Amino acid sequence: MPLWSIWWVWMSAALALATLEVMVPGYIFLGFAAGAAVTGVILLVADIASLPVVLVIFAVLSGVAYLGARRVFGIPGNKPKVWDRDIND
């Protein structure tokens, strides 16, 4: 059985990517971690031995998870600056 079709390998990769997200924040690795976790669940349920199919599943799920995280957490620096006091006061 090839390594890319084993579900716990994808779950381990998801854990490693989630740990990397904690050390290097930016929501990039969070999408990859979620994509790897869902890919692991899919491989637990279905037996997919084709590397291109597994990589396409992972890429699509990671992209959707990244866009979802970006929508939930927002884009950094996208908020307008609010002035609390005037410079001449």
C-alpha atoms as a PDB file:
ATOM      1  CA  MET A   1       0.000   0.000   0.000  1.00  0.00           C
ATOM      2  CA  PRO A   2       1.524   3.361  -1.018  1.00  0.00           C
ATOM      3  CA  LEU A   3       2.251   5.875   1.719  1.00  0.00           C
ATOM      4  CA  TRP A   4      -0.030   8.576   0.264  1.00  0.00           C
ATOM      5  CA  SER A   5      -3.098   6.350   0.520  1.00  0.00           C
ATOM      6  CA  ILE A   6      -2.776   5.660   4.263  1.00  0.00           C
ATOM      7  CA  TRP A   7      -5.198   7.740   6.319  1.00  0.00           C
ATOM      8  CA  TRP A   8      -3.070   8.145   9.438  1.00  0.00           C
ATOM      9  CA  VAL A   9      -0.206   9.614   7.389  1.00  0.00           C
ATOM     10  CA  TRP A  10      -2.540  12.443   6.344  1.00  0.00           C
ATOM     11  CA  MET A  11      -3.721  12.887   9.942  1.00  0.00           C
ATOM     12  CA  SER A  12      -0.105  13.095  11.094  1.00  0.00           C
ATOM     13  CA  ALA A  13       0.589  15.672   8.392  1.00  0.00           C
ATOM     14  CA  ALA A  14      -2.468  17.632   9.550  1.00  0.00           C
ATOM     15  CA  LEU A  15      -1.148  17.631  13.112  1.00  0.00           C
ATOM     16  CA  ALA A  16       2.297  18.763  11.951  1.00  0.00           C
ATOM     17  CA  LEU A  17       0.801  21.543   9.821  1.00  0.00           C
ATOM     18  CA  ALA A  18      -1.445  22.696  12.670  1.00  0.00           C
ATOM     19  CA  THR A  19       1.592  22.827  14.946  1.00  0.00           C
ATOM     20  CA  LEU A  20       3.441  24.825  12.313  1.00  0.00           C
ATOM     21  CA  GLU A  21       0.490  27.232  12.138  1.00  0.00           C
ATOM     22  CA  VAL A  22       0.829  27.903  15.862  1.00  0.00           C
ATOM     23  CA  MET A  23       4.509  28.739  15.444  1.00  0.00           C
ATOM     24  CA  VAL A  24       4.130  30.737  12.196  1.00  0.00           C
ATOM     25  CA  PRO A  25       0.726  32.459  12.232  1.00  0.00           C
ATOM     26  CA  GLY A  26      -0.902  33.621   9.036  1.00  0.00           C
ATOM     27  CA  TYR A  27      -3.780  31.204   8.333  1.00  0.00           C
ATOM     28  CA  ILE A  28      -1.855  29.575   5.458  1.00  0.00           C
ATOM     29  CA  PHE A  29      -0.936  26.373   7.265  1.00  0.00           C
ATOM     30  CA  LEU A  30      -4.375  26.237   8.888  1.00  0.00           C
ATOM     31  CA  GLY A  31      -5.945  25.644   5.477  1.00  0.00           C
ATOM     32  CA  PHE A  32      -3.408  22.971   4.638  1.00  0.00           C
ATOM     33  CA  ALA A  33      -3.955  21.306   8.028  1.00  0.00           C
ATOM     34  CA  ALA A  34      -7.725  21.236   7.552  1.00  0.00           C
ATOM     35  CA  GLY A  35      -7.312  19.905   4.009  1.00  0.00           C
ATOM     36  CA  ALA A  36      -4.985  17.147   5.212  1.00  0.00           C
ATOM     37  CA  ALA A  37      -7.351  16.206   8.048  1.00  0.00           C
ATOM     38  CA  VAL A  38     -10.386  15.932   5.771  1.00  0.00           C
ATOM     39  CA  THR A  39      -8.299  14.040   3.207  1.00  0.00           C
ATOM     40  CA  GLY A  40      -7.359  11.611   5.974  1.00  0.00           C
ATOM     41  CA  VAL A  41     -11.022  11.114   6.847  1.00  0.00           C
ATOM     42  CA  ILE A  42     -11.878  10.533   3.180  1.00  0.00           C
ATOM     43  CA  LEU A  43      -9.082   7.963   2.891  1.00  0.00           C
ATOM     44  CA  LEU A  44     -10.340   6.256   6.050  1.00  0.00           C
ATOM     45  CA  VAL A  45     -13.754   5.816   4.431  1.00  0.00           C
ATOM     46  CA  ALA A  46     -12.746   5.216   0.798  1.00  0.00           C
ATOM     47  CA  ASP A  47      -9.754   3.350  -0.587  1.00  0.00           C
ATOM     48  CA  ILE A  48      -8.101   5.686  -3.109  1.00  0.00           C
ATOM     49  CA  ALA A  49      -4.713   4.492  -4.376  1.00  0.00           C
ATOM     50  CA  SER A  50      -4.207   7.038  -7.148  1.00  0.00           C
ATOM     51  CA  LEU A  51      -1.726   9.780  -6.200  1.00  0.00           C
ATOM     52  CA  PRO A  52      -3.145  12.418  -8.604  1.00  0.00           C
ATOM     53  CA  VAL A  53      -6.670  11.912  -7.271  1.00  0.00           C
ATOM     54  CA  VAL A  54      -5.519  12.192  -3.652  1.00  0.00           C
ATOM     55  CA  LEU A  55      -3.508  15.332  -4.417  1.00  0.00           C
ATOM     56  CA  VAL A  56      -6.446  16.961  -6.211  1.00  0.00           C
ATOM     57  CA  ILE A  57      -8.705  16.185  -3.249  1.00  0.00           C
ATOM     58  CA  PHE A  58      -6.128  17.653  -0.873  1.00  0.00           C
ATOM     59  CA  ALA A  59      -5.624  20.770  -3.012  1.00  0.00           C
ATOM     60  CA  VAL A  60      -9.330  21.487  -3.379  1.00  0.00           C
ATOM     61  CA  LEU A  61     -10.043  20.932   0.317  1.00  0.00           C
ATOM     62  CA  SER A  62      -7.061  23.063   1.347  1.00  0.00           C
ATOM     63  CA  GLY A  63      -8.157  25.890  -0.929  1.00  0.00           C
ATOM     64  CA  VAL A  64     -11.700  25.823   0.417  1.00  0.00           C
ATOM     65  CA  ALA A  65     -10.422  25.716   4.009  1.00  0.00           C
ATOM     66  CA  TYR A  66      -8.037  28.635   3.372  1.00  0.00           C
ATOM     67  CA  LEU A  67     -10.783  30.756   1.836  1.00  0.00           C
ATOM     68  CA  GLY A  68     -13.080  29.871   4.739  1.00  0.00           C
ATOM     69  CA  ALA A  69     -10.439  30.829   7.313  1.00  0.00           C
ATOM     70  CA  ARG A  70      -9.757  34.050   5.439  1.00  0.00           C
ATOM     71  CA  ARG A  71     -13.466  34.872   5.477  1.00  0.00           C
ATOM     72  CA  VAL A  72     -13.846  34.060   9.172  1.00  0.00           C
ATOM     73  CA  PHE A  73     -10.650  35.665  10.477  1.00  0.00           C
ATOM     74  CA  GLY A  74     -10.373  38.456   7.905  1.00  0.00           C
ATOM     75  CA  ILE A  75      -7.494  39.903   5.991  1.00  0.00           C
ATOM     76  CA  PRO A  76      -4.899  41.563   8.240  1.00  0.00           C
ATOM     77  CA  GLY A  77      -4.672  45.308   7.753  1.00  0.00           C
ATOM     78  CA  ASN A  78      -8.039  45.508   6.010  1.00  0.00           C
ATOM     79  CA  LYS A  79      -9.641  47.701   8.700  1.00  0.00           C
ATOM     80  CA  PRO A  80      -9.733  51.504   8.431  1.00  0.00           C
ATOM     81  CA  LYS A  81      -7.712  53.545  10.893  1.00  0.00           C
ATOM     82  CA  VAL A  82      -9.808  55.264  13.533  1.00  0.00           C
ATOM     83  CA  TRP A  83      -8.413  58.452  15.039  1.00  0.00           C
ATOM     84  CA  ASP A  84      -9.160  58.846  18.756  1.00  0.00           C
ATOM     85  CA  ARG A  85      -7.810  62.380  19.111  1.00  0.00           C
ATOM     86  CA  ASP A  86      -6.807  65.249  16.926  1.00  0.00           C
ATOM     87  CA  ILE A  87      -3.115  65.970  16.383  1.00  0.00           C
ATOM     88  CA  ASN A  88      -3.658  69.636  17.291  1.00  0.00           C
ATOM     89  CA  ASP A  89      -5.130  68.903  20.731  1.00  0.00           C
END
